[in-house]
Amino acid sequence: MEELKKHKRHHEEIEKAENASADIDEASLVEGNEAAAAEKKPHHHARARRSKAPKAPGFDQQLKVAANVTLSTAERIINGLTNAYQSVFVAPEQTKASFNKEQGYKYFEKGDFEKALNYFLHYEEENSEDADILYMLAMCHKNMDECKEAVEYLKKAEKIEKSDINIITELGDCLVSQEEYAEAIPYLLKAIEVNEEHADSYYHLGTCYEKTENVEEAKKFYKKAIDLEPRQAVYYQALGFLYESNGNHNDAIVCFKKAMDLERGQKRSGH
């Protein structure tokens, strides 16, 4: 019904334009006759003049006619622009979500963790079960030294992806940073079950067991970290301090010397 009404209006507008054009032609003819008569001297037996072709409408009038004829076309253009605006700037929710996700990763890679966090939060409002985004939210907080908030998001992510090595490892790491050593241990043990070659997990387990006064377990895990990554000075330092605190000075000296040698070598190579 609406399309029928539009078609009828369009037809009426064209008829108006055509009538206006006819009126213009007639007026032009009269004006032309009067102008010709004024040029000649008046006499009583002047010959009848031949009819002249109608004068074409002026440019201004042509514009007016064109405006009337194309009114519905302008309406269609405006409607098209409106639809385009809505599709781009008032996008569907899924399009908005994808934009927020992409922008979040973009700013995270740039090191702008605050902006990245903001975009990820907008995405998470509609996608609260996306473990990857929960992980990224945690990483934003961690890089902003907000480990408590990081742990909250990592725990949510771990419930969804229970065997994801990155989530589990970061959860253990953040809990260690918060000095929640006993709570960190189960996550770190799980991390080495998933990836037996992850040296940092063994190192963090050594720290947790040392802080919970389980010296033998701490020693075991520090040594395992060194076996996997023998060029990490910090692992030797940790084991050296453990030996020192338990009165084993000779082993402590060996570990400290090894750590110093590695640090010197790294400085020489520019690392």
C-alpha atoms as a PDB file:
ATOM      1  CA  MET A   1       0.000   0.000   0.000  1.00  0.00           C
ATOM      2  CA  GLU A   2       2.798   2.431   0.839  1.00  0.00           C
ATOM      3  CA  GLU A   3       4.545   1.721  -2.459  1.00  0.00           C
ATOM      4  CA  LEU A   4       1.268   2.380  -4.296  1.00  0.00           C
ATOM      5  CA  LYS A   5       0.888   5.747  -2.536  1.00  0.00           C
ATOM      6  CA  LYS A   6       4.458   6.731  -3.421  1.00  0.00           C
ATOM      7  CA  HIS A   7       3.874   5.793  -7.057  1.00  0.00           C
ATOM      8  CA  LYS A   8       0.675   7.873  -7.132  1.00  0.00           C
ATOM      9  CA  ARG A   9       2.442  10.899  -5.611  1.00  0.00           C
ATOM     10  CA  HIS A  10       5.256  10.544  -8.132  1.00  0.00           C
ATOM     11  CA  HIS A  11       2.744  10.439 -11.035  1.00  0.00           C
ATOM     12  CA  GLU A  12       0.945  13.535  -9.719  1.00  0.00           C
ATOM     13  CA  GLU A  13       4.240  15.418  -9.450  1.00  0.00           C
ATOM     14  CA  ILE A  14       5.124  14.596 -13.053  1.00  0.00           C
ATOM     15  CA  GLU A  15       1.689  15.815 -14.211  1.00  0.00           C
ATOM     16  CA  LYS A  16       2.215  19.097 -12.315  1.00  0.00           C
ATOM     17  CA  ALA A  17       5.599  19.524 -13.968  1.00  0.00           C
ATOM     18  CA  GLU A  18       4.127  18.875 -17.410  1.00  0.00           C
ATOM     19  CA  ASN A  19       1.297  21.369 -16.788  1.00  0.00           C
ATOM     20  CA  ALA A  20       3.835  23.962 -15.610  1.00  0.00           C
ATOM     21  CA  SER A  21       5.814  23.424 -18.791  1.00  0.00           C
ATOM     22  CA  ALA A  22       2.680  23.893 -20.936  1.00  0.00           C
ATOM     23  CA  ASP A  23       1.843  27.111 -19.106  1.00  0.00           C
ATOM     24  CA  ILE A  24       5.353  28.356 -19.707  1.00  0.00           C
ATOM     25  CA  ASP A  25       5.089  27.603 -23.419  1.00  0.00           C
ATOM     26  CA  GLU A  26       1.804  29.480 -23.688  1.00  0.00           C
ATOM     27  CA  ALA A  27       3.125  32.489 -21.751  1.00  0.00           C
ATOM     28  CA  SER A  28       6.228  32.530 -23.896  1.00  0.00           C
ATOM     29  CA  LEU A  29       4.104  32.623 -27.074  1.00  0.00           C
ATOM     30  CA  VAL A  30       2.087  35.606 -25.813  1.00  0.00           C
ATOM     31  CA  GLU A  31       5.216  37.447 -24.772  1.00  0.00           C
ATOM     32  CA  GLY A  32       6.763  36.837 -28.174  1.00  0.00           C
ATOM     33  CA  ASN A  33       3.701  38.143 -30.030  1.00  0.00           C
ATOM     34  CA  GLU A  34       3.561  41.284 -27.912  1.00  0.00           C
ATOM     35  CA  ALA A  35       7.236  41.995 -28.438  1.00  0.00           C
ATOM     36  CA  ALA A  36       6.912  41.627 -32.220  1.00  0.00           C
ATOM     37  CA  ALA A  37       3.893  43.915 -32.319  1.00  0.00           C
ATOM     38  CA  ALA A  38       5.710  46.605 -30.394  1.00  0.00           C
ATOM     39  CA  GLU A  39       8.531  46.646 -32.944  1.00  0.00           C
ATOM     40  CA  LYS A  40       6.238  47.464 -35.903  1.00  0.00           C
ATOM     41  CA  LYS A  41       4.420  50.736 -36.468  1.00  0.00           C
ATOM     42  CA  PRO A  42       0.665  50.323 -35.992  1.00  0.00           C
ATOM     43  CA  HIS A  43      -1.489  50.338 -39.220  1.00  0.00           C
ATOM     44  CA  HIS A  44      -5.027  49.289 -39.904  1.00  0.00           C
ATOM     45  CA  HIS A  45      -4.519  46.593 -42.536  1.00  0.00           C
ATOM     46  CA  ALA A  46      -1.527  44.683 -41.137  1.00  0.00           C
ATOM     47  CA  ARG A  47      -1.228  41.158 -42.407  1.00  0.00           C
ATOM     48  CA  ALA A  48      -1.994  38.363 -40.043  1.00  0.00           C
ATOM     49  CA  ARG A  49       1.251  36.903 -38.667  1.00  0.00           C
ATOM     50  CA  ARG A  50       2.120  33.269 -38.980  1.00  0.00           C
ATOM     51  CA  SER A  51       2.077  31.254 -35.795  1.00  0.00           C
ATOM     52  CA  LYS A  52       5.558  30.900 -34.268  1.00  0.00           C
ATOM     53  CA  ALA A  53       6.928  27.799 -32.535  1.00  0.00           C
ATOM     54  CA  PRO A  54       6.448  27.918 -28.753  1.00  0.00           C
ATOM     55  CA  LYS A  55       9.410  29.408 -26.920  1.00  0.00           C
ATOM     56  CA  ALA A  56      11.396  26.914 -24.790  1.00  0.00           C
ATOM     57  CA  PRO A  57      11.080  27.404 -21.024  1.00  0.00           C
ATOM     58  CA  GLY A  58      13.816  29.386 -19.328  1.00  0.00           C
ATOM     59  CA  PHE A  59      16.680  27.701 -17.388  1.00  0.00           C
ATOM     60  CA  ASP A  60      15.255  28.693 -13.989  1.00  0.00           C
ATOM     61  CA  GLN A  61      11.939  27.170 -14.874  1.00  0.00           C
ATOM     62  CA  GLN A  62      13.632  24.021 -16.129  1.00  0.00           C
ATOM     63  CA  LEU A  63      15.290  23.653 -12.724  1.00  0.00           C
ATOM     64  CA  LYS A  64      11.950  24.032 -10.975  1.00  0.00           C
ATOM     65  CA  VAL A  65      10.386  21.387 -13.187  1.00  0.00           C
ATOM     66  CA  ALA A  66      13.354  19.059 -12.662  1.00  0.00           C
ATOM     67  CA  ALA A  67      13.112  19.578  -8.910  1.00  0.00           C
ATOM     68  CA  ASN A  68       9.446  18.562  -8.967  1.00  0.00           C
ATOM     69  CA  VAL A  69      10.046  15.540 -11.151  1.00  0.00           C
ATOM     70  CA  THR A  70      13.004  14.262  -9.100  1.00  0.00           C
ATOM     71  CA  LEU A  71      11.507  14.844  -5.676  1.00  0.00           C
ATOM     72  CA  SER A  72      10.877  11.149  -5.127  1.00  0.00           C
ATOM     73  CA  THR A  73      14.417  10.385  -6.350  1.00  0.00           C
ATOM     74  CA  ALA A  74      15.801  12.738  -3.674  1.00  0.00           C
ATOM     75  CA  GLU A  75      13.687  10.941  -1.110  1.00  0.00           C
ATOM     76  CA  ARG A  76      15.162   7.635  -2.198  1.00  0.00           C
ATOM     77  CA  ILE A  77      18.711   9.030  -1.975  1.00  0.00           C
ATOM     78  CA  ILE A  78      18.070  10.368   1.524  1.00  0.00           C
ATOM     79  CA  ASN A  79      16.610   7.018   2.568  1.00  0.00           C
ATOM     80  CA  GLY A  80      19.624   5.256   1.142  1.00  0.00           C
ATOM     81  CA  LEU A  81      22.040   7.511   3.032  1.00  0.00           C
ATOM     82  CA  THR A  82      20.056   6.979   6.214  1.00  0.00           C
ATOM     83  CA  ASN A  83      20.260   3.216   5.814  1.00  0.00           C
ATOM     84  CA  ALA A  84      23.996   3.431   5.116  1.00  0.00           C
ATOM     85  CA  TYR A  85      24.518   5.544   8.231  1.00  0.00           C
ATOM     86  CA  GLN A  86      22.613   3.061  10.343  1.00  0.00           C
ATOM     87  CA  SER A  87      24.574   0.124   8.969  1.00  0.00           C
ATOM     88  CA  VAL A  88      27.935   1.799   9.672  1.00  0.00           C
ATOM     89  CA  PHE A  89      27.412   3.865  12.807  1.00  0.00           C
ATOM     90  CA  VAL A  90      24.415   2.129  14.328  1.00  0.00           C
ATOM     91  CA  ALA A  91      25.769  -1.319  13.575  1.00  0.00           C
ATOM     92  CA  PRO A  92      24.305  -4.641  14.700  1.00  0.00           C
ATOM     93  CA  GLU A  93      25.456  -5.878  18.096  1.00  0.00           C
ATOM     94  CA  GLN A  94      27.690  -8.553  16.583  1.00  0.00           C
ATOM     95  CA  THR A  95      29.479  -5.976  14.441  1.00  0.00           C
ATOM     96  CA  LYS A  96      30.021  -3.733  17.462  1.00  0.00           C
ATOM     97  CA  ALA A  97      31.358  -6.704  19.444  1.00  0.00           C
ATOM     98  CA  SER A  98      33.857  -7.620  16.719  1.00  0.00           C
ATOM     99  CA  PHE A  99      35.022  -4.003  16.531  1.00  0.00           C
ATOM    100  CA  ASN A 100      35.581  -3.833  20.305  1.00  0.00           C
ATOM    101  CA  LYS A 101      37.496  -7.106  20.270  1.00  0.00           C
ATOM    102  CA  GLU A 102      39.776  -6.044  17.414  1.00  0.00           C
ATOM    103  CA  GLN A 103      40.438  -2.653  18.981  1.00  0.00           C
ATOM    104  CA  GLY A 104      41.245  -4.323  22.286  1.00  0.00           C
ATOM    105  CA  TYR A 105      43.932  -6.497  20.692  1.00  0.00           C
ATOM    106  CA  LYS A 106      45.229  -3.512  18.731  1.00  0.00           C
ATOM    107  CA  TYR A 107      45.797  -1.364  21.813  1.00  0.00           C
ATOM    108  CA  PHE A 108      47.141  -4.307  23.842  1.00  0.00           C
ATOM    109  CA  GLU A 109      49.839  -4.875  21.205  1.00  0.00           C
ATOM    110  CA  LYS A 110      50.689  -1.173  21.385  1.00  0.00           C
ATOM    111  CA  GLY A 111      51.100  -1.434  25.158  1.00  0.00           C
ATOM    112  CA  ASP A 112      48.127   0.837  25.887  1.00  0.00           C
ATOM    113  CA  PHE A 113      46.572  -1.531  28.425  1.00  0.00           C
ATOM    114  CA  GLU A 114      44.028   0.954  29.761  1.00  0.00           C
ATOM    115  CA  LYS A 115      42.424   1.510  26.342  1.00  0.00           C
ATOM    116  CA  ALA A 116      42.642  -2.200  25.562  1.00  0.00           C
ATOM    117  CA  LEU A 117      40.901  -2.961  28.844  1.00  0.00           C
ATOM    118  CA  ASN A 118      38.081  -0.565  27.999  1.00  0.00           C
ATOM    119  CA  TYR A 119      37.402  -2.205  24.617  1.00  0.00           C
ATOM    120  CA  PHE A 120      37.631  -5.725  26.055  1.00  0.00           C
ATOM    121  CA  LEU A 121      35.165  -4.772  28.783  1.00  0.00           C
ATOM    122  CA  HIS A 122      32.657  -3.565  26.177  1.00  0.00           C
ATOM    123  CA  TYR A 123      33.079  -6.846  24.322  1.00  0.00           C
ATOM    124  CA  GLU A 124      32.780  -8.906  27.515  1.00  0.00           C
ATOM    125  CA  GLU A 125      29.415  -7.316  28.351  1.00  0.00           C
ATOM    126  CA  GLU A 126      27.848  -9.350  25.540  1.00  0.00           C
ATOM    127  CA  ASN A 127      30.325 -12.264  25.541  1.00  0.00           C
ATOM    128  CA  SER A 128      30.945 -13.148  29.172  1.00  0.00           C
ATOM    129  CA  GLU A 129      31.758 -16.797  28.356  1.00  0.00           C
ATOM    130  CA  ASP A 130      34.639 -16.022  25.995  1.00  0.00           C
ATOM    131  CA  ALA A 131      37.682 -17.448  27.790  1.00  0.00           C
ATOM    132  CA  ASP A 132      40.147 -15.715  25.467  1.00  0.00           C
ATOM    133  CA  ILE A 133      38.750 -12.277  26.303  1.00  0.00           C
ATOM    134  CA  LEU A 134      38.625 -13.059  30.017  1.00  0.00           C
ATOM    135  CA  TYR A 135      42.296 -13.984  29.727  1.00  0.00           C
ATOM    136  CA  MET A 136      43.062 -10.729  27.876  1.00  0.00           C
ATOM    137  CA  LEU A 137      41.220  -8.725  30.540  1.00  0.00           C
ATOM    138  CA  ALA A 138      43.402 -10.442  33.126  1.00  0.00           C
ATOM    139  CA  MET A 139      46.558  -9.635  31.170  1.00  0.00           C
ATOM    140  CA  CYS A 140      45.563  -5.970  30.948  1.00  0.00           C
ATOM    141  CA  HIS A 141      45.150  -5.831  34.722  1.00  0.00           C
ATOM    142  CA  LYS A 142      48.394  -7.733  35.289  1.00  0.00           C
ATOM    143  CA  ASN A 143      50.337  -5.309  33.105  1.00  0.00           C
ATOM    144  CA  MET A 144      48.784  -2.466  35.087  1.00  0.00           C
ATOM    145  CA  ASP A 145      50.001  -4.101  38.350  1.00  0.00           C
ATOM    146  CA  GLU A 146      46.457  -5.035  39.340  1.00  0.00           C
ATOM    147  CA  CYS A 147      46.956  -8.704  40.165  1.00  0.00           C
ATOM    148  CA  LYS A 148      43.841  -9.023  42.304  1.00  0.00           C
ATOM    149  CA  GLU A 149      41.604  -8.100  39.362  1.00  0.00           C
ATOM    150  CA  ALA A 150      43.725 -10.302  37.076  1.00  0.00           C
ATOM    151  CA  VAL A 151      43.123 -13.315  39.327  1.00  0.00           C
ATOM    152  CA  GLU A 152      39.358 -12.754  39.230  1.00  0.00           C
ATOM    153  CA  TYR A 153      39.257 -12.873  35.434  1.00  0.00           C
ATOM    154  CA  LEU A 154      41.714 -15.779  35.231  1.00  0.00           C
ATOM    155  CA  LYS A 155      39.546 -17.852  37.568  1.00  0.00           C
ATOM    156  CA  LYS A 156      36.514 -17.162  35.358  1.00  0.00           C
ATOM    157  CA  ALA A 157      38.520 -18.162  32.285  1.00  0.00           C
ATOM    158  CA  GLU A 158      39.852 -21.315  33.977  1.00  0.00           C
ATOM    159  CA  LYS A 159      36.303 -22.517  34.686  1.00  0.00           C
ATOM    160  CA  ILE A 160      35.612 -22.379  30.937  1.00  0.00           C
ATOM    161  CA  GLU A 161      38.998 -23.665  29.684  1.00  0.00           C
ATOM    162  CA  LYS A 162      40.304 -25.902  32.467  1.00  0.00           C
ATOM    163  CA  SER A 163      43.344 -27.207  30.590  1.00  0.00           C
ATOM    164  CA  ASP A 164      44.567 -24.008  28.941  1.00  0.00           C
ATOM    165  CA  ILE A 165      48.227 -23.767  29.882  1.00  0.00           C
ATOM    166  CA  ASN A 166      48.393 -19.990  29.561  1.00  0.00           C
ATOM    167  CA  ILE A 167      45.415 -19.395  31.837  1.00  0.00           C
ATOM    168  CA  ILE A 168      46.609 -21.872  34.460  1.00  0.00           C
ATOM    169  CA  THR A 169      50.199 -20.624  34.446  1.00  0.00           C
ATOM    170  CA  GLU A 170      49.217 -16.965  34.680  1.00  0.00           C
ATOM    171  CA  LEU A 171      46.794 -17.757  37.483  1.00  0.00           C
ATOM    172  CA  GLY A 172      49.546 -19.422  39.479  1.00  0.00           C
ATOM    173  CA  ASP A 173      51.938 -16.552  38.701  1.00  0.00           C
ATOM    174  CA  CYS A 174      49.458 -13.871  39.795  1.00  0.00           C
ATOM    175  CA  LEU A 175      48.663 -15.725  43.016  1.00  0.00           C
ATOM    176  CA  VAL A 176      52.392 -15.898  43.760  1.00  0.00           C
ATOM    177  CA  SER A 177      52.624 -12.131  43.135  1.00  0.00           C
ATOM    178  CA  GLN A 178      49.838 -11.670  45.683  1.00  0.00           C
ATOM    179  CA  GLU A 179      51.763 -13.934  48.078  1.00  0.00           C
ATOM    180  CA  GLU A 180      48.906 -16.452  48.013  1.00  0.00           C
ATOM    181  CA  TYR A 181      51.417 -19.286  47.929  1.00  0.00           C
ATOM    182  CA  ALA A 182      49.285 -22.140  49.224  1.00  0.00           C
ATOM    183  CA  GLU A 183      46.470 -21.262  46.800  1.00  0.00           C
ATOM    184  CA  ALA A 184      48.899 -21.019  43.895  1.00  0.00           C
ATOM    185  CA  ILE A 185      50.349 -24.516  44.309  1.00  0.00           C
ATOM    186  CA  PRO A 186      47.402 -26.534  42.840  1.00  0.00           C
ATOM    187  CA  TYR A 187      47.326 -24.342  39.735  1.00  0.00           C
ATOM    188  CA  LEU A 188      51.074 -24.606  39.217  1.00  0.00           C
ATOM    189  CA  LEU A 189      51.017 -28.374  39.673  1.00  0.00           C
ATOM    190  CA  LYS A 190      48.262 -28.528  37.097  1.00  0.00           C
ATOM    191  CA  ALA A 191      50.334 -26.339  34.778  1.00  0.00           C
ATOM    192  CA  ILE A 192      53.254 -28.796  34.794  1.00  0.00           C
ATOM    193  CA  GLU A 193      50.838 -31.673  34.182  1.00  0.00           C
ATOM    194  CA  VAL A 194      49.730 -29.929  30.988  1.00  0.00           C
ATOM    195  CA  ASN A 195      53.258 -28.813  30.021  1.00  0.00           C
ATOM    196  CA  GLU A 196      56.151 -30.628  31.681  1.00  0.00           C
ATOM    197  CA  GLU A 197      58.688 -28.381  29.968  1.00  0.00           C
ATOM    198  CA  HIS A 198      57.484 -25.073  31.404  1.00  0.00           C
ATOM    199  CA  ALA A 199      60.440 -23.992  33.533  1.00  0.00           C
ATOM    200  CA  ASP A 200      58.771 -20.966  35.116  1.00  0.00           C
ATOM    201  CA  SER A 201      56.049 -23.154  36.628  1.00  0.00           C
ATOM    202  CA  TYR A 202      58.711 -25.231  38.422  1.00  0.00           C
ATOM    203  CA  TYR A 203      60.438 -22.048  39.580  1.00  0.00           C
ATOM    204  CA  HIS A 204      57.193 -20.635  40.977  1.00  0.00           C
ATOM    205  CA  LEU A 205      56.437 -23.943  42.668  1.00  0.00           C
ATOM    206  CA  GLY A 206      59.869 -23.774  44.298  1.00  0.00           C
ATOM    207  CA  THR A 207      58.983 -20.304  45.608  1.00  0.00           C
ATOM    208  CA  CYS A 208      55.591 -21.466  46.923  1.00  0.00           C
ATOM    209  CA  TYR A 209      57.050 -24.468  48.733  1.00  0.00           C
ATOM    210  CA  GLU A 210      59.869 -22.359  50.175  1.00  0.00           C
ATOM    211  CA  LYS A 211      57.361 -19.796  51.491  1.00  0.00           C
ATOM    212  CA  THR A 212      55.200 -22.550  52.986  1.00  0.00           C
ATOM    213  CA  GLU A 213      58.351 -23.998  54.626  1.00  0.00           C
ATOM    214  CA  ASN A 214      58.577 -27.163  52.594  1.00  0.00           C
ATOM    215  CA  VAL A 215      62.304 -26.936  51.902  1.00  0.00           C
ATOM    216  CA  GLU A 216      62.832 -30.278  50.186  1.00  0.00           C
ATOM    217  CA  GLU A 217      60.012 -29.703  47.695  1.00  0.00           C
ATOM    218  CA  ALA A 218      61.279 -26.179  47.070  1.00  0.00           C
ATOM    219  CA  LYS A 219      64.784 -27.501  46.358  1.00  0.00           C
ATOM    220  CA  LYS A 220      63.418 -30.149  44.005  1.00  0.00           C
ATOM    221  CA  PHE A 221      61.421 -27.701  41.921  1.00  0.00           C
ATOM    222  CA  TYR A 222      64.208 -25.090  41.736  1.00  0.00           C
ATOM    223  CA  LYS A 223      66.580 -27.771  40.444  1.00  0.00           C
ATOM    224  CA  LYS A 224      64.012 -28.911  37.875  1.00  0.00           C
ATOM    225  CA  ALA A 225      63.665 -25.324  36.621  1.00  0.00           C
ATOM    226  CA  ILE A 226      67.466 -25.116  36.269  1.00  0.00           C
ATOM    227  CA  ASP A 227      67.553 -28.416  34.354  1.00  0.00           C
ATOM    228  CA  LEU A 228      65.036 -27.050  31.842  1.00  0.00           C
ATOM    229  CA  GLU A 229      66.527 -23.550  31.557  1.00  0.00           C
ATOM    230  CA  PRO A 230      70.196 -23.724  32.693  1.00  0.00           C
ATOM    231  CA  ARG A 231      70.949 -20.176  31.553  1.00  0.00           C
ATOM    232  CA  GLN A 232      68.409 -18.421  33.779  1.00  0.00           C
ATOM    233  CA  ALA A 233      70.384 -16.631  36.508  1.00  0.00           C
ATOM    234  CA  VAL A 234      67.311 -16.034  38.663  1.00  0.00           C
ATOM    235  CA  TYR A 235      66.812 -19.777  39.133  1.00  0.00           C
ATOM    236  CA  TYR A 236      70.335 -20.172  40.555  1.00  0.00           C
ATOM    237  CA  GLN A 237      69.800 -17.138  42.799  1.00  0.00           C
ATOM    238  CA  ALA A 238      66.609 -18.619  44.237  1.00  0.00           C
ATOM    239  CA  LEU A 239      68.252 -21.963  44.940  1.00  0.00           C
ATOM    240  CA  GLY A 240      71.290 -20.167  46.414  1.00  0.00           C
ATOM    241  CA  PHE A 241      69.119 -18.204  48.867  1.00  0.00           C
ATOM    242  CA  LEU A 242      67.330 -21.425  49.836  1.00  0.00           C
ATOM    243  CA  TYR A 243      70.676 -23.103  50.594  1.00  0.00           C
ATOM    244  CA  GLU A 244      71.881 -20.030  52.491  1.00  0.00           C
ATOM    245  CA  SER A 245      68.788 -19.806  54.669  1.00  0.00           C
ATOM    246  CA  ASN A 246      69.240 -23.458  55.642  1.00  0.00           C
ATOM    247  CA  GLY A 247      72.924 -23.154  56.487  1.00  0.00           C
ATOM    248  CA  ASN A 248      74.272 -24.834  53.362  1.00  0.00           C
ATOM    249  CA  HIS A 249      76.804 -22.111  52.575  1.00  0.00           C
ATOM    250  CA  ASN A 250      79.022 -24.003  50.155  1.00  0.00           C
ATOM    251  CA  ASP A 251      76.162 -24.930  47.822  1.00  0.00           C
ATOM    252  CA  ALA A 252      74.843 -21.385  48.162  1.00  0.00           C
ATOM    253  CA  ILE A 253      78.211 -19.959  46.990  1.00  0.00           C
ATOM    254  CA  VAL A 254      78.226 -22.269  43.956  1.00  0.00           C
ATOM    255  CA  CYS A 255      74.738 -21.123  42.977  1.00  0.00           C
ATOM    256  CA  PHE A 256      75.510 -17.415  43.464  1.00  0.00           C
ATOM    257  CA  LYS A 257      78.729 -17.705  41.452  1.00  0.00           C
ATOM    258  CA  LYS A 258      76.858 -19.397  38.600  1.00  0.00           C
ATOM    259  CA  ALA A 259      74.198 -16.689  38.649  1.00  0.00           C
ATOM    260  CA  MET A 260      76.855 -13.952  38.511  1.00  0.00           C
ATOM    261  CA  ASP A 261      78.623 -15.594  35.585  1.00  0.00           C
ATOM    262  CA  LEU A 262      75.389 -15.812  33.629  1.00  0.00           C
ATOM    263  CA  GLU A 263      74.563 -12.165  34.312  1.00  0.00           C
ATOM    264  CA  ARG A 264      78.021 -11.043  33.165  1.00  0.00           C
ATOM    265  CA  GLY A 265      77.681 -13.113  30.011  1.00  0.00           C
ATOM    266  CA  GLN A 266      74.302 -11.552  29.270  1.00  0.00           C
ATOM    267  CA  LYS A 267      75.707  -8.042  29.708  1.00  0.00           C
ATOM    268  CA  ARG A 268      78.591  -8.770  27.351  1.00  0.00           C
ATOM    269  CA  SER A 269      76.216 -10.100  24.683  1.00  0.00           C
ATOM    270  CA  GLY A 270      73.944  -7.091  25.124  1.00  0.00           C
ATOM    271  CA  HIS A 271      70.954  -8.991  26.544  1.00  0.00           C
END
